[in-house]
């Protein structure tokens, strides 16, 4: 390994990471060189640190050189590439390295001039007719991480086989210090304004006098979200001041993801304090949006599935007949029932927006349970927290004009389609072989019943076609559990759903109680399947 380390240090163009490697112990070096940072279907993501198993200038330069070689083999040499970034540690340096590397290969590079949300990059790729976009971001990962996310022409993320083709090109790149780079001046100063110009078409409410509490969780979405909402007439907005300015340390949250327990506490507290109508939490790169609403027992965050049902119902009221809506194999079944009732088509895809936005012609809305929403696929072919926040504010204002709340709307959907209650159980592992072992055991000896209900097994790995993946579904009368390895973390995740019919509004509370009781039984049964504690 000594020769490998020496060769990497000699080929690293950044003196700070060369020095970092020279000071590590043998055990630490072994960990840094155990494998290169993997280039997945969206790009790279990892800890900002020296060596091939980290995010650093050498890795970013070699990755960019590989992407440039891939584009040239696709006869796209000299085409336009857009490069954006968030405000994480290293983001500005990495974005500059991407731009300079691709410019030296003859591409026309638009290096966005300041930290901007990921959906603005996806918009820019589409609006500028670029053949590729790179966003330097680690989304809602911990502060130590950064990443390299790739978009293709049209603004959608990579799908196979492009990811493996690019990975092969990266592997063929020599030392980063030998890769040519050309200085690039920032451009695309009007891109954010052009993005904002698309948002008025999403709003219908004539009166917008609702009160909003907002947090960007120390990310880059705060300023643009405020500009968007205020520009559309939502003027009564209160922000969590301690979380508003971009801060790569994310000092007030242990994990900057609105889904995580406690991450949205500050915005919920602010919403209660100012008597808001809606609480909005964006993740750090603003491609995800979570919302909180008031209820009889106080403020609570909605699940991604609850928000997805509200948005789908709202968007389909004005969508053309036979429009398409989509969610994933781990998302709620409610959308499959709602779509035909509203004269729309429904598609189910694999997890991830790279698949959702390719669900089919006529797509007007797609979501995943992990608080990702695509409300305007005409302009942003990816999840977009800011446009979702705009539409949710509009829906709240429309309801307020009629004396209705988002909770009232959720109640109406439950009465019409039954209560759909969801939960998750997960097991984090230190040895990735444990994940394969759990999935193998589940396939070999699947349960025949869960929570006292007979279940049938669907093994997605045995299927042909677009839904083939490493996942197992256990479904019975009113229950469903989907078990799969996480695509981004060393975890096995199980997605639970209980569905209970509702005879009338008077029976809604009892139906919700029954659904929660069934969910609790499912939690216990599923925990044993994935060896988790609940």
Protein backbone atom coordinates (compact mmCIF):
# COMPACT_ATOMS: atom_id res chain seq x y z
CA UNK A 1 0.00 0.00 0.00
CA UNK A 2 2.93 2.36 0.59
CA UNK A 3 3.49 2.71 -3.13
CA UNK A 4 -0.18 3.43 -3.73
CA UNK A 5 -0.19 6.13 -1.05
CA UNK A 6 3.00 7.70 -2.36
CA UNK A 7 1.62 7.74 -5.91
CA UNK A 8 -1.62 9.39 -4.76
CA UNK A 9 0.23 12.06 -2.77
CA UNK A 10 2.47 12.78 -5.75
CA UNK A 11 -0.61 13.12 -7.97
CA UNK A 12 -2.67 15.30 -5.60
CA UNK A 13 -2.75 18.96 -6.76
CA UNK A 14 -3.88 20.24 -3.32
CA UNK A 15 -1.03 20.81 -0.83
CA UNK A 16 -3.38 20.68 2.17
CA UNK A 17 -4.62 17.16 1.40
CA UNK A 18 -1.10 16.01 0.53
CA UNK A 19 -0.02 17.13 3.98
CA UNK A 20 -3.08 15.51 5.59
CA UNK A 21 -2.21 12.13 4.11
CA UNK A 22 1.43 12.38 5.11
CA UNK A 23 0.42 12.71 8.77
CA UNK A 24 -1.94 9.70 8.95
CA UNK A 25 -1.16 6.40 10.64
CA UNK A 26 -1.00 3.15 8.68
CA UNK A 27 -4.45 2.14 9.93
CA UNK A 28 -5.92 5.50 8.92
CA UNK A 29 -4.30 5.26 5.49
CA UNK A 30 -5.70 1.76 5.04
CA UNK A 31 -9.19 3.12 5.61
CA UNK A 32 -8.68 6.03 3.17
CA UNK A 33 -7.39 3.68 0.46
CA UNK A 34 -9.68 0.69 0.99
CA UNK A 35 -11.73 1.68 -2.06
CA UNK A 36 -12.32 4.78 -4.17
CA UNK A 37 -15.37 6.87 -3.41
CA UNK A 38 -18.02 5.09 -5.45
CA UNK A 39 -19.64 6.88 -8.36
CA UNK A 40 -23.28 5.90 -8.04
CA UNK A 41 -26.30 6.69 -10.19
CA UNK A 42 -26.39 10.33 -9.06
CA UNK A 43 -22.69 10.88 -8.37
CA UNK A 44 -20.34 10.88 -5.40
CA UNK A 45 -21.01 11.49 -1.74
CA UNK A 46 -18.61 11.15 1.16
CA UNK A 47 -16.61 12.82 3.88
CA UNK A 48 -14.47 15.84 2.99
CA UNK A 49 -10.99 14.43 3.51
CA UNK A 50 -7.83 13.43 1.66
CA UNK A 51 -7.41 10.20 -0.28
CA UNK A 52 -9.44 8.29 -2.86
CA UNK A 53 -12.16 7.46 -0.31
CA UNK A 54 -13.07 11.09 0.33
CA UNK A 55 -14.32 14.28 -1.27
CA UNK A 56 -11.29 16.38 -2.20
CA UNK A 57 -9.85 18.28 -5.15
CA UNK A 58 -7.99 15.27 -6.55
CA UNK A 59 -11.13 13.11 -6.58
CA UNK A 60 -13.24 15.93 -8.02
CA UNK A 61 -10.75 16.66 -10.81
CA UNK A 62 -10.41 13.00 -11.81
CA UNK A 63 -14.21 12.57 -11.72
CA UNK A 64 -14.69 15.63 -13.92
CA UNK A 65 -12.06 14.44 -16.38
CA UNK A 66 -13.84 11.09 -16.60
CA UNK A 67 -17.20 12.76 -17.20
CA UNK A 68 -15.67 14.92 -19.92
CA UNK A 69 -14.23 11.84 -21.64
CA UNK A 70 -17.63 10.15 -21.45
CA UNK A 71 -19.37 13.17 -23.00
CA UNK A 72 -16.82 13.23 -25.82
CA UNK A 73 -17.45 9.55 -26.54
CA UNK A 74 -21.14 10.40 -26.77
CA UNK A 75 -20.24 12.98 -29.45
CA UNK A 76 -21.05 15.82 -27.06
CA UNK A 77 -17.62 17.40 -26.99
CA UNK A 78 -17.77 21.20 -26.76
CA UNK A 79 -21.35 21.21 -25.46
CA UNK A 80 -22.60 23.28 -22.52
CA UNK A 81 -22.12 22.14 -18.94
CA UNK A 82 -23.60 23.93 -15.91
CA UNK A 83 -21.86 23.76 -12.52
CA UNK A 84 -23.49 24.77 -9.25
CA UNK A 85 -22.81 24.39 -5.54
CA UNK A 86 -24.23 24.64 -2.06
CA UNK A 87 -22.48 26.26 0.94
CA UNK A 88 -20.86 23.18 2.49
CA UNK A 89 -17.21 22.83 3.39
CA UNK A 90 -15.22 22.68 0.17
CA UNK A 91 -18.14 23.39 -2.16
CA UNK A 92 -16.71 26.54 -3.77
CA UNK A 93 -13.29 24.93 -4.30
CA UNK A 94 -14.80 21.75 -5.71
CA UNK A 95 -17.19 23.58 -8.07
CA UNK A 96 -14.30 25.64 -9.40
CA UNK A 97 -12.26 22.47 -9.95
CA UNK A 98 -15.14 20.89 -11.90
CA UNK A 99 -15.56 23.97 -14.08
CA UNK A 100 -11.84 24.36 -14.78
CA UNK A 101 -11.39 20.69 -15.66
CA UNK A 102 -14.30 20.59 -18.09
CA UNK A 103 -13.36 23.95 -19.62
CA UNK A 104 -9.87 22.60 -20.37
CA UNK A 105 -11.53 19.74 -22.25
CA UNK A 106 -13.25 22.22 -24.54
CA UNK A 107 -16.70 22.40 -22.95
CA UNK A 108 -18.65 25.64 -22.64
CA UNK A 109 -18.96 25.90 -18.86
CA UNK A 110 -21.51 27.99 -16.97
CA UNK A 111 -20.25 28.25 -13.38
CA UNK A 112 -23.12 29.61 -11.31
CA UNK A 113 -21.97 32.66 -9.36
CA UNK A 114 -23.03 31.82 -5.81
CA UNK A 115 -24.36 28.98 -3.64
CA UNK A 116 -27.82 28.01 -4.93
CA UNK A 117 -30.33 25.21 -4.31
CA UNK A 118 -29.93 21.97 -6.23
CA UNK A 119 -33.28 22.43 -8.07
CA UNK A 120 -31.95 25.67 -9.56
CA UNK A 121 -29.10 23.66 -11.10
CA UNK A 122 -31.60 21.11 -12.45
CA UNK A 123 -33.64 24.02 -13.85
CA UNK A 124 -30.55 25.60 -15.42
CA UNK A 125 -29.60 22.41 -17.25
CA UNK A 126 -33.05 22.35 -18.84
CA UNK A 127 -33.40 26.09 -19.43
CA UNK A 128 -29.94 26.53 -20.95
CA UNK A 129 -30.14 23.41 -23.12
CA UNK A 130 -27.02 22.02 -21.44
CA UNK A 131 -25.92 18.45 -21.95
CA UNK A 132 -24.75 18.02 -18.37
CA UNK A 133 -25.03 19.62 -14.96
CA UNK A 134 -22.96 19.12 -11.83
CA UNK A 135 -24.09 20.25 -8.40
CA UNK A 136 -21.62 20.12 -5.54
CA UNK A 137 -23.79 19.14 -2.57
CA UNK A 138 -24.33 16.46 0.03
CA UNK A 139 -27.99 17.43 0.42
CA UNK A 140 -29.03 16.60 4.01
CA UNK A 141 -25.95 14.57 4.99
CA UNK A 142 -23.96 15.49 8.12
CA UNK A 143 -21.65 18.51 8.14
CA UNK A 144 -18.51 16.48 7.43
CA UNK A 145 -19.78 15.35 4.03
CA UNK A 146 -19.97 16.75 0.53
CA UNK A 147 -20.91 15.32 -2.83
CA UNK A 148 -20.93 15.53 -6.61
CA UNK A 149 -24.36 15.17 -8.22
CA UNK A 150 -24.82 14.76 -11.97
CA UNK A 151 -27.72 15.72 -14.25
CA UNK A 152 -28.15 14.93 -17.92
CA UNK A 153 -29.75 16.97 -20.71
CA UNK A 154 -33.31 17.86 -19.72
CA UNK A 155 -32.39 18.14 -16.04
CA UNK A 156 -32.94 14.57 -14.85
CA UNK A 157 -30.44 12.57 -12.82
CA UNK A 158 -28.33 9.78 -14.26
CA UNK A 159 -29.69 6.28 -14.76
CA UNK A 160 -27.86 3.09 -15.78
CA UNK A 161 -25.89 2.36 -17.84
CA UNK A 162 -24.49 5.91 -17.90
CA UNK A 163 -23.32 5.68 -14.29
CA UNK A 164 -21.15 2.62 -14.92
CA UNK A 165 -19.86 4.02 -18.19
CA UNK A 166 -18.75 7.19 -16.41
CA UNK A 167 -17.22 5.21 -13.57
CA UNK A 168 -15.09 3.31 -16.08
CA UNK A 169 -13.90 6.58 -17.63
CA UNK A 170 -12.96 7.94 -14.20
CA UNK A 171 -10.92 4.81 -13.45
CA UNK A 172 -8.93 5.43 -16.63
CA UNK A 173 -7.93 8.98 -15.65
CA UNK A 174 -4.33 9.41 -14.52
CA UNK A 175 -3.02 11.49 -11.60
CA UNK A 176 -5.13 14.56 -10.87
CA UNK A 177 -2.08 16.81 -10.94
CA UNK A 178 -1.63 15.97 -14.65
CA UNK A 179 -5.22 16.81 -15.61
CA UNK A 180 -5.34 20.18 -17.45
CA UNK A 181 -7.45 22.98 -15.97
CA UNK A 182 -8.48 26.33 -17.42
CA UNK A 183 -9.68 29.30 -15.38
CA UNK A 184 -13.44 29.96 -15.64
CA UNK A 185 -15.31 33.14 -14.78
CA UNK A 186 -18.71 32.77 -13.06
CA UNK A 187 -21.77 33.11 -15.28
CA UNK A 188 -25.48 32.41 -15.32
CA UNK A 189 -26.25 35.37 -13.07
CA UNK A 190 -29.86 35.43 -14.33
CA UNK A 191 -30.58 31.73 -13.73
CA UNK A 192 -32.15 32.18 -10.27
CA UNK A 193 -34.36 35.00 -11.56
CA UNK A 194 -35.46 32.86 -14.50
CA UNK A 195 -36.29 30.05 -12.09
CA UNK A 196 -38.40 32.42 -9.97
CA UNK A 197 -40.26 33.53 -13.10
CA UNK A 198 -41.68 30.00 -13.48
CA UNK A 199 -43.36 29.98 -10.06
CA UNK A 200 -46.37 32.31 -10.54
CA UNK A 201 -48.01 29.73 -12.82
CA UNK A 202 -48.18 27.34 -9.84
CA UNK A 203 -50.30 29.66 -7.67
CA UNK A 204 -54.10 29.97 -7.77
CA UNK A 205 -55.21 31.55 -4.48
CA UNK A 206 -56.57 35.09 -4.94
CA UNK A 207 -55.92 35.88 -1.25
CA UNK A 208 -52.58 34.96 0.28
CA UNK A 209 -52.97 36.29 3.80
CA UNK A 210 -51.64 33.27 5.66
CA UNK A 211 -48.83 33.22 8.21
CA UNK A 212 -45.83 31.00 7.52
CA UNK A 213 -42.95 29.84 9.70
CA UNK A 214 -39.87 28.88 7.67
CA UNK A 215 -36.47 27.29 8.19
CA UNK A 216 -33.82 26.35 5.61
CA UNK A 217 -31.88 24.36 8.26
CA UNK A 218 -28.66 26.34 7.72
CA UNK A 219 -28.79 25.56 4.01
CA UNK A 220 -28.92 27.59 0.81
CA UNK A 221 -32.69 27.71 0.30
CA UNK A 222 -33.67 30.46 2.73
CA UNK A 223 -33.08 33.57 0.66
CA UNK A 224 -34.61 32.14 -2.52
CA UNK A 225 -37.61 30.69 -0.67
CA UNK A 226 -38.32 34.05 0.96
CA UNK A 227 -37.98 35.86 -2.36
CA UNK A 228 -40.28 33.34 -4.04
CA UNK A 229 -42.99 33.40 -1.39
CA UNK A 230 -42.97 37.16 -0.84
CA UNK A 231 -42.89 37.81 -4.57
CA UNK A 232 -46.06 35.75 -4.90
CA UNK A 233 -47.89 37.68 -2.19
CA UNK A 234 -47.16 35.56 0.88
CA UNK A 235 -45.80 38.42 2.98
CA UNK A 236 -46.43 37.25 6.55
CA UNK A 237 -43.38 34.99 6.91
CA UNK A 238 -41.40 34.38 10.09
CA UNK A 239 -38.02 32.67 9.84
CA UNK A 240 -35.97 30.71 12.36
CA UNK A 241 -33.20 33.27 12.63
CA UNK A 242 -30.69 30.86 14.18
CA UNK A 243 -31.03 28.57 11.14
CA UNK A 244 -31.51 31.05 8.31
CA UNK A 245 -27.98 31.92 7.15
CA UNK A 246 -26.05 29.15 5.38
CA UNK A 247 -23.68 27.49 7.84
CA UNK A 248 -21.70 24.38 6.85
CA UNK A 249 -21.45 23.33 10.50
CA UNK A 250 -25.27 23.03 10.91
CA UNK A 251 -24.80 24.04 14.57
CA UNK A 252 -28.41 23.72 15.79
CA UNK A 253 -29.24 20.27 14.42
CA UNK A 254 -27.52 16.93 14.91
CA UNK A 255 -28.60 15.79 11.45
CA UNK A 256 -29.82 18.46 8.97
CA UNK A 257 -32.75 16.49 7.57
CA UNK A 258 -36.33 17.66 8.30
CA UNK A 259 -37.38 14.00 8.51
CA UNK A 260 -35.09 13.33 11.48
CA UNK A 261 -36.55 13.50 14.96
CA UNK A 262 -35.92 16.94 16.46
CA UNK A 263 -34.64 18.58 13.27
CA UNK A 264 -37.84 20.59 12.80
CA UNK A 265 -38.38 21.44 16.48
CA UNK A 266 -37.31 25.07 16.06
CA UNK A 267 -39.68 25.83 13.20
CA UNK A 268 -42.57 24.08 14.96
CA UNK A 269 -41.88 26.12 18.10
CA UNK A 270 -41.81 29.32 16.04
CA UNK A 271 -45.04 28.35 14.27
CA UNK A 272 -46.76 27.85 17.62
CA UNK A 273 -45.34 31.11 18.98
CA UNK A 274 -46.56 33.28 16.07
CA UNK A 275 -49.81 31.32 15.54
CA UNK A 276 -48.86 30.38 11.98
CA UNK A 277 -51.01 28.56 9.47
CA UNK A 278 -48.12 26.56 8.00
CA UNK A 279 -44.58 25.56 8.96
CA UNK A 280 -42.04 24.86 6.20
CA UNK A 281 -38.67 23.15 6.61
CA UNK A 282 -36.29 22.83 3.66
CA UNK A 283 -33.30 20.54 3.69
CA UNK A 284 -29.86 22.16 3.21
CA UNK A 285 -29.82 22.09 -0.60
CA UNK A 286 -33.57 22.85 -0.74
CA UNK A 287 -34.55 19.94 -2.93
CA UNK A 288 -36.78 18.53 -0.18
CA UNK A 289 -39.65 20.16 1.67
CA UNK A 290 -41.35 19.08 4.88
CA UNK A 291 -44.33 20.86 6.38
CA UNK A 292 -45.90 21.14 9.80
CA UNK A 293 -49.51 21.90 10.64
CA UNK A 294 -51.43 22.73 13.83
CA UNK A 295 -53.71 20.12 15.33
CA UNK A 296 -55.75 19.47 18.45
CA UNK A 297 -52.67 18.31 20.38
CA UNK A 298 -50.26 20.91 18.98
CA UNK A 299 -48.04 21.24 15.94
CA UNK A 300 -46.76 18.20 14.07
CA UNK A 301 -44.78 17.50 10.91
CA UNK A 302 -46.61 15.70 8.13
CA UNK A 303 -45.08 12.61 6.61
CA UNK A 304 -43.94 12.68 3.01
CA UNK A 305 -46.88 10.48 2.10
CA UNK A 306 -49.40 12.83 3.73
CA UNK A 307 -47.91 15.81 1.92
CA UNK A 308 -47.80 13.81 -1.30
CA UNK A 309 -51.51 13.01 -1.12
CA UNK A 310 -52.39 16.67 -0.51
CA UNK A 311 -50.26 17.88 -3.40
CA UNK A 312 -51.50 15.22 -5.80
CA UNK A 313 -55.15 15.96 -5.04
CA UNK A 314 -54.53 19.68 -5.44
CA UNK A 315 -52.56 19.43 -8.70
CA UNK A 316 -55.02 17.00 -10.29
CA UNK A 317 -57.93 19.42 -9.82
CA UNK A 318 -56.60 21.50 -12.72
CA UNK A 319 -54.45 18.96 -14.59
CA UNK A 320 -55.51 17.77 -18.05
CA UNK A 321 -57.53 14.54 -18.17
CA UNK A 322 -55.48 11.36 -18.14
CA UNK A 323 -52.48 13.09 -16.58
CA UNK A 324 -49.90 10.94 -14.84
CA UNK A 325 -48.86 10.96 -11.17
CA UNK A 326 -46.21 8.72 -9.69
CA UNK A 327 -44.62 7.54 -6.47
CA UNK A 328 -42.27 4.71 -5.52
CA UNK A 329 -42.57 1.10 -4.41
CA UNK A 330 -41.97 2.17 -0.79
CA UNK A 331 -44.46 5.07 -0.81
CA UNK A 332 -48.09 4.96 0.26
CA UNK A 333 -50.72 3.12 -1.77
CA UNK A 334 -53.09 6.07 -1.35
CA UNK A 335 -51.90 7.70 -4.59
CA UNK A 336 -52.83 4.56 -6.55
CA UNK A 337 -56.42 4.91 -5.29
CA UNK A 338 -56.63 8.69 -5.61
CA UNK A 339 -55.38 8.97 -9.21
CA UNK A 340 -58.14 7.03 -11.01
CA UNK A 341 -60.76 8.72 -8.83
CA UNK A 342 -59.52 12.05 -10.22
CA UNK A 343 -59.36 10.88 -13.83
CA UNK A 344 -55.59 10.43 -13.82
CA UNK A 345 -53.12 7.61 -14.43
CA UNK A 346 -50.81 6.25 -11.78
CA UNK A 347 -47.28 4.84 -12.06
CA UNK A 348 -45.13 3.10 -9.47
CA UNK A 349 -41.35 3.30 -9.85
CA UNK A 350 -38.17 2.32 -8.09
CA UNK A 351 -36.97 4.63 -5.32
CA UNK A 352 -35.29 7.85 -6.41
CA UNK A 353 -36.23 10.75 -8.61
CA UNK A 354 -34.04 9.48 -11.42
CA UNK A 355 -36.83 6.93 -11.91
CA UNK A 356 -39.84 9.00 -10.86
CA UNK A 357 -39.34 11.71 -13.48
CA UNK A 358 -39.11 9.01 -16.14
CA UNK A 359 -42.42 7.44 -15.10
CA UNK A 360 -44.10 8.24 -18.41
CA UNK A 361 -45.70 10.82 -20.68
CA UNK A 362 -48.05 13.37 -19.20
CA UNK A 363 -46.38 13.48 -15.78
CA UNK A 364 -47.75 16.33 -13.68
CA UNK A 365 -46.59 15.31 -10.21
CA UNK A 366 -44.27 12.79 -8.56
CA UNK A 367 -43.19 12.26 -5.00
CA UNK A 368 -41.27 9.93 -2.72
CA UNK A 369 -42.02 9.37 0.95
CA UNK A 370 -38.64 10.92 1.85
CA UNK A 371 -40.22 14.42 1.50
CA UNK A 372 -39.21 14.87 -2.15
CA UNK A 373 -41.81 16.47 -4.45
CA UNK A 374 -41.73 17.34 -8.15
CA UNK A 375 -44.63 19.76 -8.64
CA UNK A 376 -43.50 21.36 -11.91
CA UNK A 377 -41.83 18.76 -14.16
CA UNK A 378 -42.06 21.14 -17.12
CA UNK A 379 -39.30 23.27 -15.58
CA UNK A 380 -37.56 21.16 -12.91
CA UNK A 381 -37.35 17.48 -13.69
CA UNK A 382 -36.34 16.57 -10.15
CA UNK A 383 -37.50 17.09 -6.60
CA UNK A 384 -37.75 20.76 -5.68
CA UNK A 385 -38.39 21.99 -2.14
CA UNK A 386 -38.97 25.63 -3.06
CA UNK A 387 -41.64 25.09 -5.71
CA UNK A 388 -43.27 22.52 -3.41
CA UNK A 389 -43.31 25.11 -0.61
CA UNK A 390 -44.97 27.59 -2.95
CA UNK A 391 -47.71 25.15 -3.94
CA UNK A 392 -48.28 24.11 -0.31
CA UNK A 393 -48.58 27.76 0.73
CA UNK A 394 -51.07 28.25 -2.09
CA UNK A 395 -53.08 25.20 -1.01
CA UNK A 396 -53.11 26.46 2.59
CA UNK A 397 -54.33 29.89 1.41
CA UNK A 398 -57.05 28.36 -0.77
CA UNK A 399 -58.24 26.31 2.20
CA UNK A 400 -58.13 29.29 4.57
CA UNK A 401 -60.37 31.27 2.21
CA UNK A 402 -62.99 28.53 2.66
CA UNK A 403 -62.37 28.06 6.38
CA UNK A 404 -60.54 24.78 5.82
CA UNK A 405 -57.14 23.57 6.99
CA UNK A 406 -54.72 21.03 5.59
CA UNK A 407 -55.87 18.69 8.36
CA UNK A 408 -59.44 19.03 7.10
CA UNK A 409 -58.20 18.04 3.64
CA UNK A 410 -56.38 15.01 5.03
CA UNK A 411 -59.56 14.01 6.85
CA UNK A 412 -61.53 14.25 3.61
CA UNK A 413 -59.04 11.98 1.83
CA UNK A 414 -59.20 9.47 4.70
CA UNK A 415 -62.99 9.35 4.57
CA UNK A 416 -62.93 8.88 0.79
CA UNK A 417 -60.08 6.38 0.49
CA UNK A 418 -59.54 5.01 4.00
CA UNK A 419 -56.89 5.81 6.58
CA UNK A 420 -53.41 5.11 5.21
CA UNK A 421 -50.98 5.11 8.13
CA UNK A 422 -47.27 4.57 7.58
CA UNK A 423 -44.07 4.02 9.56
CA UNK A 424 -40.49 2.82 9.13
CA UNK A 425 -38.24 0.34 10.88
CA UNK A 426 -34.52 0.26 10.08
CA UNK A 427 -31.39 -1.56 11.15
CA UNK A 428 -27.96 0.07 10.82
CA UNK A 429 -25.04 -2.32 10.37
CA UNK A 430 -21.27 -2.04 10.57
CA UNK A 431 -20.65 -4.99 8.28
CA UNK A 432 -22.34 -4.65 4.87
CA UNK A 433 -22.41 -8.45 4.57
CA UNK A 434 -25.07 -8.41 7.28
CA UNK A 435 -27.45 -6.67 4.88
CA UNK A 436 -27.03 -9.37 2.25
CA UNK A 437 -27.50 -12.00 4.96
CA UNK A 438 -30.78 -10.43 6.17
CA UNK A 439 -32.20 -10.19 2.66
CA UNK A 440 -31.15 -13.77 1.88
CA UNK A 441 -32.83 -15.06 5.04
CA UNK A 442 -36.01 -13.09 4.32
CA UNK A 443 -36.21 -14.55 0.83
CA UNK A 444 -35.50 -18.11 2.02
CA UNK A 445 -37.98 -18.12 4.91
CA UNK A 446 -40.46 -15.27 4.50
CA UNK A 447 -43.23 -14.95 7.09
CA UNK A 448 -46.67 -16.20 6.17
CA UNK A 449 -48.41 -13.70 8.42
CA UNK A 450 -47.76 -10.32 10.01
CA UNK A 451 -49.83 -8.76 12.81
CA UNK A 452 -52.11 -11.80 12.61
CA UNK A 453 -52.85 -11.22 8.93
CA UNK A 454 -51.87 -13.63 6.14
CA UNK A 455 -49.38 -12.12 3.70
CA UNK A 456 -48.14 -12.93 0.22
CA UNK A 457 -44.57 -12.30 -0.89
CA UNK A 458 -43.37 -10.32 -3.91
CA UNK A 459 -39.64 -10.51 -4.54
CA UNK A 460 -38.73 -7.57 -6.74
CA UNK A 461 -35.38 -9.16 -7.51
CA UNK A 462 -37.24 -11.96 -9.31
CA UNK A 463 -39.26 -9.60 -11.46
CA UNK A 464 -38.53 -8.60 -15.00
CA UNK A 465 -38.86 -5.06 -16.20
CA UNK A 466 -38.45 -1.62 -14.61
CA UNK A 467 -39.33 -2.64 -11.03
CA UNK A 468 -36.59 -5.22 -10.65
CA UNK A 469 -34.59 -4.33 -7.53
CA UNK A 470 -33.32 -5.74 -4.25
CA UNK A 471 -36.56 -5.50 -2.27
CA UNK A 472 -39.19 -7.81 -0.81
CA UNK A 473 -42.85 -6.88 -0.33
CA UNK A 474 -45.13 -8.61 2.17
CA UNK A 475 -48.77 -7.69 1.63
CA UNK A 476 -52.06 -8.81 3.12
CA UNK A 477 -55.55 -7.51 3.86
CA UNK A 478 -54.97 -3.85 4.78
CA UNK A 479 -51.24 -4.18 5.45
CA UNK A 480 -48.03 -3.93 3.50
CA UNK A 481 -44.32 -4.08 4.38
CA UNK A 482 -41.48 -3.43 1.90
CA UNK A 483 -37.96 -4.38 3.01
CA UNK A 484 -34.90 -3.14 1.10
CA UNK A 485 -31.28 -2.16 1.63
CA UNK A 486 -30.79 1.60 1.83
CA UNK A 487 -29.22 3.11 -1.25
CA UNK A 488 -27.21 5.72 0.68
CA UNK A 489 -26.56 4.34 4.19
CA UNK A 490 -25.43 1.03 5.72
CA UNK A 491 -28.99 0.11 6.68
CA UNK A 492 -31.80 -2.29 5.96
CA UNK A 493 -35.05 -0.32 5.84
CA UNK A 494 -38.63 -1.53 6.15
CA UNK A 495 -41.56 0.61 5.05
CA UNK A 496 -44.86 -0.20 6.78
CA UNK A 497 -48.41 0.72 5.87
CA UNK A 498 -51.78 -0.07 7.41
CA UNK A 499 -55.02 0.78 5.59
CA UNK A 500 -58.35 0.94 7.42
CA UNK A 501 -61.64 1.82 5.64
CA UNK A 502 -63.74 4.68 7.02
CA UNK A 503 -67.53 4.36 6.89
CA UNK A 504 -68.19 8.05 7.57
CA UNK A 505 -66.60 11.06 9.25
CA UNK A 506 -67.90 9.96 12.63
CA UNK A 507 -65.82 6.80 12.36
CA UNK A 508 -62.57 8.56 11.41
CA UNK A 509 -61.04 8.69 14.88
CA UNK A 510 -61.69 4.99 15.48
CA UNK A 511 -60.23 4.11 12.07
CA UNK A 512 -57.06 6.07 12.84
CA UNK A 513 -56.73 4.34 16.21
CA UNK A 514 -57.16 0.96 14.54
CA UNK A 515 -54.56 1.81 11.91
CA UNK A 516 -52.04 2.88 14.57
CA UNK A 517 -52.66 -0.30 16.56
CA UNK A 518 -52.02 -2.39 13.45
CA UNK A 519 -48.89 -0.37 12.71
CA UNK A 520 -47.57 -1.09 16.18
CA UNK A 521 -48.03 -4.80 15.62
CA UNK A 522 -46.32 -4.49 12.26
CA UNK A 523 -43.40 -2.65 13.88
CA UNK A 524 -42.84 -5.48 16.32
CA UNK A 525 -43.12 -8.18 13.66
CA UNK A 526 -40.91 -6.31 11.17
CA UNK A 527 -38.25 -5.54 13.78
CA UNK A 528 -37.61 -9.24 14.18
CA UNK A 529 -37.22 -9.61 10.41
CA UNK A 530 -34.46 -6.98 10.23
CA UNK A 531 -33.05 -7.58 13.73
CA UNK A 532 -33.92 -4.06 14.85
CA UNK A 533 -35.00 -2.61 18.18
CA UNK A 534 -38.29 -0.71 18.34
